[in-house]
């Protein structure tokens, strides 16, 4: 299952950036409603997800069950994606996910059962977190582009 997630994440890193760029800055930055995220903010949320999952993917390998979670709305608000150029957000999302692909490829198989605690103290294995990361990514990408 990890190999499938690696393949999928690599594929998305290739096909999604041109689709995002084609949206154009005005449409990329426009909020559909005052309390809803713009497409750019959704990609920002995916950067925040990458950031937090990056910590999980690394720290779970050497810390005994770290507890890593975040407030997605506060992270998005205080990362100020809405004020940044869309091209910068897209480039960072692309680079970060390429980095995560390489990191995941190098996690030893025996460490895939190591894990992190969720907010509610549920133990989530690295294997689950990696697969869930890609599923979550695709869910939000489909809100932004068709592919």
N, C-alpha and C. Protein backbone atom coordinates (compact mmCIF):
# COMPACT_ATOMS: atom_id res chain seq x y z
N UNK A 1 0.82 -1.20 0.00
CA UNK A 1 0.00 0.00 0.00
C UNK A 1 0.87 1.27 0.00
N UNK A 2 2.01 1.24 0.68
CA UNK A 2 2.89 2.40 0.70
C UNK A 2 3.40 2.69 -0.71
N UNK A 3 3.76 1.65 -1.45
CA UNK A 3 4.25 1.86 -2.82
C UNK A 3 3.20 2.57 -3.66
N UNK A 4 1.94 2.21 -3.48
CA UNK A 4 0.86 2.88 -4.21
C UNK A 4 0.78 4.36 -3.82
N UNK A 5 0.90 4.65 -2.54
CA UNK A 5 0.85 6.05 -2.08
C UNK A 5 2.03 6.84 -2.62
N UNK A 6 3.21 6.24 -2.66
CA UNK A 6 4.39 6.91 -3.22
C UNK A 6 4.15 7.20 -4.70
N UNK A 7 3.68 6.21 -5.44
CA UNK A 7 3.42 6.39 -6.86
C UNK A 7 2.38 7.48 -7.08
N UNK A 8 1.32 7.45 -6.30
CA UNK A 8 0.24 8.44 -6.44
C UNK A 8 0.75 9.84 -6.12
N UNK A 9 1.48 9.99 -5.01
CA UNK A 9 1.99 11.29 -4.61
C UNK A 9 2.97 11.84 -5.65
N UNK A 10 3.82 10.98 -6.20
CA UNK A 10 4.74 11.40 -7.27
C UNK A 10 3.97 11.88 -8.49
N UNK A 11 2.96 11.13 -8.86
CA UNK A 11 2.13 11.48 -10.02
C UNK A 11 1.44 12.84 -9.80
N UNK A 12 0.87 13.02 -8.64
CA UNK A 12 0.19 14.30 -8.34
C UNK A 12 1.17 15.47 -8.40
N UNK A 13 2.39 15.25 -7.93
CA UNK A 13 3.40 16.29 -7.97
C UNK A 13 3.77 16.72 -9.37
N UNK A 14 3.53 15.85 -10.34
CA UNK A 14 3.79 16.17 -11.74
C UNK A 14 2.60 16.80 -12.44
N UNK A 15 1.41 16.26 -12.22
CA UNK A 15 0.25 16.71 -13.00
C UNK A 15 -0.50 17.91 -12.41
N UNK A 16 -0.43 18.09 -11.10
CA UNK A 16 -1.24 19.13 -10.46
C UNK A 16 -0.69 20.55 -10.64
N UNK A 17 0.60 20.81 -10.50
CA UNK A 17 1.08 22.20 -10.61
C UNK A 17 0.65 22.93 -11.88
N UNK A 18 0.75 22.32 -13.08
CA UNK A 18 0.28 23.06 -14.26
C UNK A 18 -1.23 23.34 -14.22
N UNK A 19 -1.99 22.43 -13.65
CA UNK A 19 -3.43 22.65 -13.54
C UNK A 19 -3.73 23.80 -12.59
N UNK A 20 -2.98 23.89 -11.50
CA UNK A 20 -3.17 25.00 -10.56
C UNK A 20 -2.78 26.33 -11.20
N UNK A 21 -1.66 26.33 -11.89
CA UNK A 21 -1.18 27.55 -12.55
C UNK A 21 -2.18 28.05 -13.58
N UNK A 22 -2.83 27.14 -14.27
CA UNK A 22 -3.80 27.50 -15.31
C UNK A 22 -5.05 28.17 -14.75
N UNK A 23 -5.29 28.04 -13.46
CA UNK A 23 -6.48 28.66 -12.86
C UNK A 23 -6.42 30.18 -12.97
N UNK A 24 -5.24 30.75 -12.83
CA UNK A 24 -5.09 32.21 -12.87
C UNK A 24 -5.30 32.80 -11.48
N UNK A 25 -4.55 33.85 -11.20
CA UNK A 25 -4.54 34.44 -9.86
C UNK A 25 -5.91 34.88 -9.35
N UNK A 26 -6.71 35.59 -10.14
CA UNK A 26 -8.01 36.03 -9.58
C UNK A 26 -8.90 34.86 -9.13
N UNK A 27 -9.05 33.86 -9.97
CA UNK A 27 -9.89 32.71 -9.62
C UNK A 27 -9.25 31.88 -8.50
N UNK A 28 -7.93 31.82 -8.46
CA UNK A 28 -7.21 31.06 -7.44
C UNK A 28 -7.37 31.71 -6.07
N UNK A 29 -7.52 33.03 -6.04
CA UNK A 29 -7.56 33.79 -4.79
C UNK A 29 -8.96 34.12 -4.30
N UNK A 30 -9.98 33.90 -5.10
CA UNK A 30 -11.34 34.30 -4.75
C UNK A 30 -11.97 33.30 -3.79
N UNK A 31 -12.51 33.83 -2.69
CA UNK A 31 -13.22 32.99 -1.73
C UNK A 31 -14.65 32.78 -2.22
N UNK A 32 -15.16 31.55 -2.18
CA UNK A 32 -16.53 31.31 -2.61
C UNK A 32 -17.56 31.89 -1.63
N UNK A 33 -17.15 32.11 -0.39
CA UNK A 33 -18.00 32.71 0.66
C UNK A 33 -17.04 33.26 1.72
N UNK A 34 -17.49 34.21 2.51
CA UNK A 34 -16.58 34.83 3.49
C UNK A 34 -15.86 33.84 4.42
N UNK A 35 -16.51 32.79 4.84
CA UNK A 35 -15.90 31.86 5.78
C UNK A 35 -15.33 30.61 5.10
N UNK A 36 -15.31 30.60 3.77
CA UNK A 36 -14.77 29.46 3.01
C UNK A 36 -13.39 29.81 2.49
N UNK A 37 -12.55 28.81 2.34
CA UNK A 37 -11.21 29.02 1.80
C UNK A 37 -11.26 29.19 0.29
N UNK A 38 -10.38 30.04 -0.22
CA UNK A 38 -10.16 30.14 -1.66
C UNK A 38 -9.39 28.89 -2.10
N UNK A 39 -9.28 28.71 -3.40
CA UNK A 39 -8.48 27.59 -3.92
C UNK A 39 -7.04 27.70 -3.44
N UNK A 40 -6.53 28.92 -3.40
CA UNK A 40 -5.16 29.14 -2.92
C UNK A 40 -5.04 28.74 -1.45
N UNK A 41 -6.04 29.07 -0.65
CA UNK A 41 -6.01 28.71 0.76
C UNK A 41 -6.16 27.19 0.96
N UNK A 42 -6.89 26.54 0.07
CA UNK A 42 -6.97 25.07 0.14
C UNK A 42 -5.59 24.47 -0.11
N UNK A 43 -4.87 25.00 -1.09
CA UNK A 43 -3.50 24.52 -1.33
C UNK A 43 -2.62 24.87 -0.13
N UNK A 44 -2.85 26.03 0.46
CA UNK A 44 -2.14 26.38 1.70
C UNK A 44 -2.42 25.37 2.80
N UNK A 45 -3.67 24.97 2.93
CA UNK A 45 -4.03 23.94 3.91
C UNK A 45 -3.26 22.65 3.64
N UNK A 46 -3.09 22.32 2.37
CA UNK A 46 -2.34 21.11 2.02
C UNK A 46 -0.85 21.27 2.35
N UNK A 47 -0.34 22.48 2.29
CA UNK A 47 1.04 22.74 2.74
C UNK A 47 1.13 22.53 4.25
N UNK A 48 0.14 23.04 4.98
CA UNK A 48 0.12 22.85 6.43
C UNK A 48 0.02 21.36 6.78
N UNK A 49 -0.78 20.64 6.03
CA UNK A 49 -0.89 19.19 6.23
C UNK A 49 0.46 18.53 5.96
N UNK A 50 1.13 18.95 4.89
CA UNK A 50 2.46 18.41 4.59
C UNK A 50 3.43 18.71 5.73
N UNK A 51 3.38 19.91 6.25
CA UNK A 51 4.27 20.32 7.34
C UNK A 51 4.08 19.45 8.56
N UNK A 52 2.84 19.27 8.96
CA UNK A 52 2.55 18.48 10.15
C UNK A 52 2.81 17.00 9.93
N UNK A 53 2.49 16.51 8.74
CA UNK A 53 2.77 15.11 8.44
C UNK A 53 4.27 14.86 8.31
N UNK A 54 5.00 15.83 7.81
CA UNK A 54 6.45 15.72 7.75
C UNK A 54 6.99 15.43 9.16
N UNK A 55 6.52 16.20 10.14
CA UNK A 55 6.94 15.95 11.53
C UNK A 55 6.56 14.54 11.97
N UNK A 56 5.37 14.12 11.64
CA UNK A 56 4.93 12.77 12.03
C UNK A 56 5.83 11.72 11.40
N UNK A 57 6.08 11.87 10.09
CA UNK A 57 6.86 10.87 9.36
C UNK A 57 8.27 10.75 9.91
N UNK A 58 8.84 11.85 10.39
CA UNK A 58 10.19 11.83 10.93
C UNK A 58 10.19 11.45 12.41
N UNK A 59 9.43 12.16 13.20
CA UNK A 59 9.50 11.99 14.65
C UNK A 59 9.01 10.62 15.12
N UNK A 60 8.04 10.05 14.44
CA UNK A 60 7.54 8.73 14.85
C UNK A 60 8.61 7.65 14.71
N UNK A 61 9.63 7.90 13.92
CA UNK A 61 10.70 6.91 13.75
C UNK A 61 11.66 6.85 14.93
N UNK A 62 11.71 7.94 15.72
CA UNK A 62 12.69 7.93 16.82
C UNK A 62 12.13 8.38 18.17
N UNK A 63 10.92 8.93 18.20
CA UNK A 63 10.31 9.31 19.47
C UNK A 63 9.23 8.30 19.82
N UNK A 64 9.10 7.96 21.08
CA UNK A 64 8.02 7.04 21.44
C UNK A 64 6.67 7.75 21.37
N UNK A 65 5.90 7.41 20.37
CA UNK A 65 4.53 7.92 20.14
C UNK A 65 4.35 9.42 20.40
N UNK A 66 4.98 10.26 19.57
CA UNK A 66 4.74 11.70 19.72
C UNK A 66 3.28 12.03 19.43
N UNK A 67 2.80 13.09 20.02
CA UNK A 67 1.43 13.53 19.76
C UNK A 67 1.52 14.81 18.94
N UNK A 68 1.12 14.71 17.67
CA UNK A 68 1.26 15.83 16.74
C UNK A 68 -0.08 16.08 16.07
N UNK A 69 -0.65 17.23 16.34
CA UNK A 69 -1.90 17.64 15.69
C UNK A 69 -1.89 19.17 15.61
N UNK A 70 -2.83 19.73 14.85
CA UNK A 70 -2.83 21.18 14.67
C UNK A 70 -4.23 21.69 14.40
N UNK A 71 -4.40 22.98 14.60
CA UNK A 71 -5.66 23.66 14.31
C UNK A 71 -5.57 24.16 12.87
N UNK A 72 -6.23 23.44 11.96
CA UNK A 72 -6.10 23.74 10.53
C UNK A 72 -6.54 25.16 10.18
N UNK A 73 -7.53 25.69 10.85
CA UNK A 73 -8.01 27.04 10.53
C UNK A 73 -7.02 28.11 10.99
N UNK A 74 -6.46 27.92 12.18
CA UNK A 74 -5.46 28.89 12.68
C UNK A 74 -4.19 28.82 11.84
N UNK A 75 -3.78 27.62 11.48
CA UNK A 75 -2.58 27.49 10.65
C UNK A 75 -2.79 28.22 9.33
N UNK A 76 -3.95 28.05 8.71
CA UNK A 76 -4.22 28.69 7.43
C UNK A 76 -4.27 30.21 7.60
N UNK A 77 -4.96 30.64 8.63
CA UNK A 77 -5.10 32.09 8.88
C UNK A 77 -3.75 32.75 9.10
N UNK A 78 -2.91 32.15 9.94
CA UNK A 78 -1.66 32.78 10.32
C UNK A 78 -0.47 32.39 9.43
N UNK A 79 -0.73 31.61 8.41
CA UNK A 79 0.28 31.39 7.37
C UNK A 79 0.12 32.42 6.26
N UNK A 80 -1.01 33.12 6.25
CA UNK A 80 -1.27 34.24 5.33
C UNK A 80 -1.21 33.86 3.85
N UNK A 81 -1.68 32.67 3.55
CA UNK A 81 -1.69 32.26 2.15
C UNK A 81 -2.52 33.20 1.30
N UNK A 82 -3.58 33.75 1.87
CA UNK A 82 -4.45 34.64 1.12
C UNK A 82 -3.73 35.90 0.65
N UNK A 83 -2.61 36.23 1.26
CA UNK A 83 -1.85 37.44 0.89
C UNK A 83 -0.65 37.15 -0.01
N UNK A 84 -0.38 35.89 -0.23
CA UNK A 84 0.80 35.51 -1.02
C UNK A 84 0.44 35.34 -2.50
N UNK A 85 1.45 35.46 -3.33
CA UNK A 85 1.26 35.18 -4.75
C UNK A 85 0.96 33.70 -4.93
N UNK A 86 0.00 33.42 -5.79
CA UNK A 86 -0.38 32.04 -6.04
C UNK A 86 0.78 31.19 -6.52
N UNK A 87 1.64 31.76 -7.36
CA UNK A 87 2.78 31.00 -7.91
C UNK A 87 3.70 30.51 -6.79
N UNK A 88 3.89 31.32 -5.76
CA UNK A 88 4.74 30.93 -4.63
C UNK A 88 4.10 29.77 -3.87
N UNK A 89 2.80 29.85 -3.63
CA UNK A 89 2.08 28.79 -2.91
C UNK A 89 2.16 27.48 -3.70
N UNK A 90 1.96 27.56 -4.99
CA UNK A 90 2.02 26.36 -5.85
C UNK A 90 3.43 25.77 -5.84
N UNK A 91 4.44 26.62 -5.98
CA UNK A 91 5.83 26.13 -6.00
C UNK A 91 6.20 25.45 -4.68
N UNK A 92 5.76 26.04 -3.57
CA UNK A 92 6.09 25.45 -2.27
C UNK A 92 5.36 24.12 -2.08
N UNK A 93 4.09 24.07 -2.45
CA UNK A 93 3.33 22.82 -2.36
C UNK A 93 4.03 21.72 -3.18
N UNK A 94 4.45 22.08 -4.37
CA UNK A 94 5.10 21.11 -5.27
C UNK A 94 6.41 20.61 -4.66
N UNK A 95 7.26 21.52 -4.23
CA UNK A 95 8.56 21.14 -3.68
C UNK A 95 8.39 20.31 -2.41
N UNK A 96 7.45 20.71 -1.56
CA UNK A 96 7.28 20.00 -0.29
C UNK A 96 6.82 18.56 -0.54
N UNK A 97 5.92 18.37 -1.46
CA UNK A 97 5.44 17.02 -1.73
C UNK A 97 6.49 16.16 -2.42
N UNK A 98 7.33 16.75 -3.25
CA UNK A 98 8.45 15.99 -3.83
C UNK A 98 9.41 15.56 -2.73
N UNK A 99 9.63 16.43 -1.76
CA UNK A 99 10.47 16.10 -0.63
C UNK A 99 9.86 14.94 0.17
N UNK A 100 8.55 15.00 0.42
CA UNK A 100 7.89 13.95 1.18
C UNK A 100 7.96 12.60 0.46
N UNK A 101 7.86 12.62 -0.86
CA UNK A 101 7.99 11.36 -1.62
C UNK A 101 9.35 10.74 -1.31
N UNK A 102 10.40 11.53 -1.38
CA UNK A 102 11.74 11.01 -1.13
C UNK A 102 11.89 10.53 0.30
N UNK A 103 11.35 11.26 1.25
CA UNK A 103 11.42 10.85 2.64
C UNK A 103 10.71 9.51 2.85
N UNK A 104 9.50 9.40 2.33
CA UNK A 104 8.71 8.17 2.51
C UNK A 104 9.43 6.98 1.89
N UNK A 105 10.06 7.17 0.74
CA UNK A 105 10.80 6.07 0.08
C UNK A 105 11.89 5.49 0.98
N UNK A 106 12.43 6.31 1.87
CA UNK A 106 13.56 5.89 2.68
C UNK A 106 13.17 5.39 4.07
N UNK A 107 11.91 5.44 4.44
CA UNK A 107 11.51 4.94 5.75
C UNK A 107 11.62 3.42 5.73
N UNK A 108 12.40 2.85 6.64
CA UNK A 108 12.52 1.39 6.68
C UNK A 108 11.16 0.73 6.95
N UNK A 109 10.93 -0.37 6.27
CA UNK A 109 9.63 -1.05 6.37
C UNK A 109 9.25 -1.36 7.82
N UNK A 110 10.23 -1.75 8.63
CA UNK A 110 9.91 -2.10 10.02
C UNK A 110 9.45 -0.89 10.85
N UNK A 111 9.75 0.31 10.36
CA UNK A 111 9.32 1.50 11.10
C UNK A 111 7.91 1.96 10.70
N UNK A 112 7.35 1.36 9.69
CA UNK A 112 6.00 1.76 9.26
C UNK A 112 4.93 1.44 10.30
N UNK A 113 5.26 0.58 11.26
CA UNK A 113 4.30 0.27 12.33
C UNK A 113 4.51 1.16 13.55
N UNK A 114 5.55 1.99 13.55
CA UNK A 114 5.72 2.99 14.60
C UNK A 114 4.63 4.03 14.37
N UNK A 115 4.34 4.84 15.37
CA UNK A 115 3.24 5.77 15.15
C UNK A 115 3.24 7.01 16.01
N UNK A 116 2.17 7.76 15.83
CA UNK A 116 1.91 9.01 16.55
C UNK A 116 0.55 8.91 17.20
N UNK A 117 0.39 9.70 18.23
CA UNK A 117 -0.91 9.80 18.86
C UNK A 117 -1.69 10.94 18.22
N UNK A 118 -2.96 10.70 17.99
CA UNK A 118 -3.84 11.75 17.48
C UNK A 118 -4.29 12.63 18.65
N UNK A 119 -5.05 13.63 18.35
CA UNK A 119 -5.58 14.53 19.38
C UNK A 119 -6.33 13.75 20.47
N UNK A 120 -7.05 12.69 20.06
CA UNK A 120 -7.84 11.90 21.02
C UNK A 120 -7.07 10.68 21.56
N UNK A 121 -5.73 10.72 21.40
CA UNK A 121 -4.84 9.66 21.91
C UNK A 121 -4.95 8.33 21.19
N UNK A 122 -5.50 8.32 19.98
CA UNK A 122 -5.50 7.11 19.16
C UNK A 122 -4.12 6.96 18.53
N UNK A 123 -3.57 5.75 18.58
CA UNK A 123 -2.28 5.50 17.95
C UNK A 123 -2.48 5.28 16.46
N UNK A 124 -1.82 6.09 15.65
CA UNK A 124 -1.89 5.99 14.19
C UNK A 124 -0.51 5.61 13.67
N UNK A 125 -0.41 4.49 12.96
CA UNK A 125 0.89 4.04 12.46
C UNK A 125 1.36 4.93 11.31
N UNK A 126 2.67 4.90 11.07
CA UNK A 126 3.22 5.63 9.93
C UNK A 126 2.59 5.15 8.63
N UNK A 127 2.40 3.85 8.51
CA UNK A 127 1.76 3.33 7.31
C UNK A 127 0.38 3.96 7.11
N UNK A 128 -0.42 4.01 8.15
CA UNK A 128 -1.73 4.64 8.06
C UNK A 128 -1.60 6.11 7.73
N UNK A 129 -0.70 6.82 8.43
CA UNK A 129 -0.55 8.26 8.24
C UNK A 129 -0.13 8.61 6.81
N UNK A 130 0.76 7.82 6.24
CA UNK A 130 1.22 8.07 4.87
C UNK A 130 0.07 7.87 3.88
N UNK A 131 -0.63 6.77 4.02
CA UNK A 131 -1.75 6.50 3.11
C UNK A 131 -2.87 7.53 3.30
N UNK A 132 -3.13 7.89 4.53
CA UNK A 132 -4.15 8.88 4.83
C UNK A 132 -3.77 10.26 4.28
N UNK A 133 -2.49 10.58 4.35
CA UNK A 133 -2.01 11.87 3.82
C UNK A 133 -2.35 11.99 2.34
N UNK A 134 -2.08 10.95 1.57
CA UNK A 134 -2.35 10.98 0.13
C UNK A 134 -3.86 11.04 -0.13
N UNK A 135 -4.64 10.29 0.62
CA UNK A 135 -6.11 10.32 0.48
C UNK A 135 -6.64 11.72 0.78
N UNK A 136 -6.16 12.31 1.85
CA UNK A 136 -6.57 13.67 2.25
C UNK A 136 -6.18 14.68 1.17
N UNK A 137 -4.98 14.54 0.66
CA UNK A 137 -4.48 15.42 -0.39
C UNK A 137 -5.40 15.37 -1.61
N UNK A 138 -5.72 14.16 -2.04
CA UNK A 138 -6.57 14.02 -3.23
C UNK A 138 -7.97 14.56 -2.99
N UNK A 139 -8.49 14.36 -1.80
CA UNK A 139 -9.82 14.91 -1.47
C UNK A 139 -9.85 16.42 -1.71
N UNK A 140 -8.84 17.10 -1.20
CA UNK A 140 -8.82 18.57 -1.35
C UNK A 140 -8.43 19.01 -2.76
N UNK A 141 -7.55 18.28 -3.42
CA UNK A 141 -7.19 18.65 -4.78
C UNK A 141 -8.40 18.61 -5.70
N UNK A 142 -9.30 17.65 -5.46
CA UNK A 142 -10.51 17.56 -6.28
C UNK A 142 -11.46 18.73 -6.03
N UNK A 143 -11.28 19.45 -4.93
CA UNK A 143 -12.06 20.66 -4.67
C UNK A 143 -11.53 21.83 -5.50
N UNK A 144 -10.29 21.70 -5.96
CA UNK A 144 -9.61 22.80 -6.64
C UNK A 144 -9.54 22.61 -8.15
N UNK A 145 -9.20 21.39 -8.58
CA UNK A 145 -9.01 21.11 -10.02
C UNK A 145 -9.61 19.76 -10.37
N UNK A 146 -9.87 19.58 -11.66
CA UNK A 146 -10.29 18.28 -12.18
C UNK A 146 -9.06 17.62 -12.79
N UNK A 147 -8.89 16.35 -12.46
CA UNK A 147 -7.76 15.59 -13.04
C UNK A 147 -8.12 14.14 -13.14
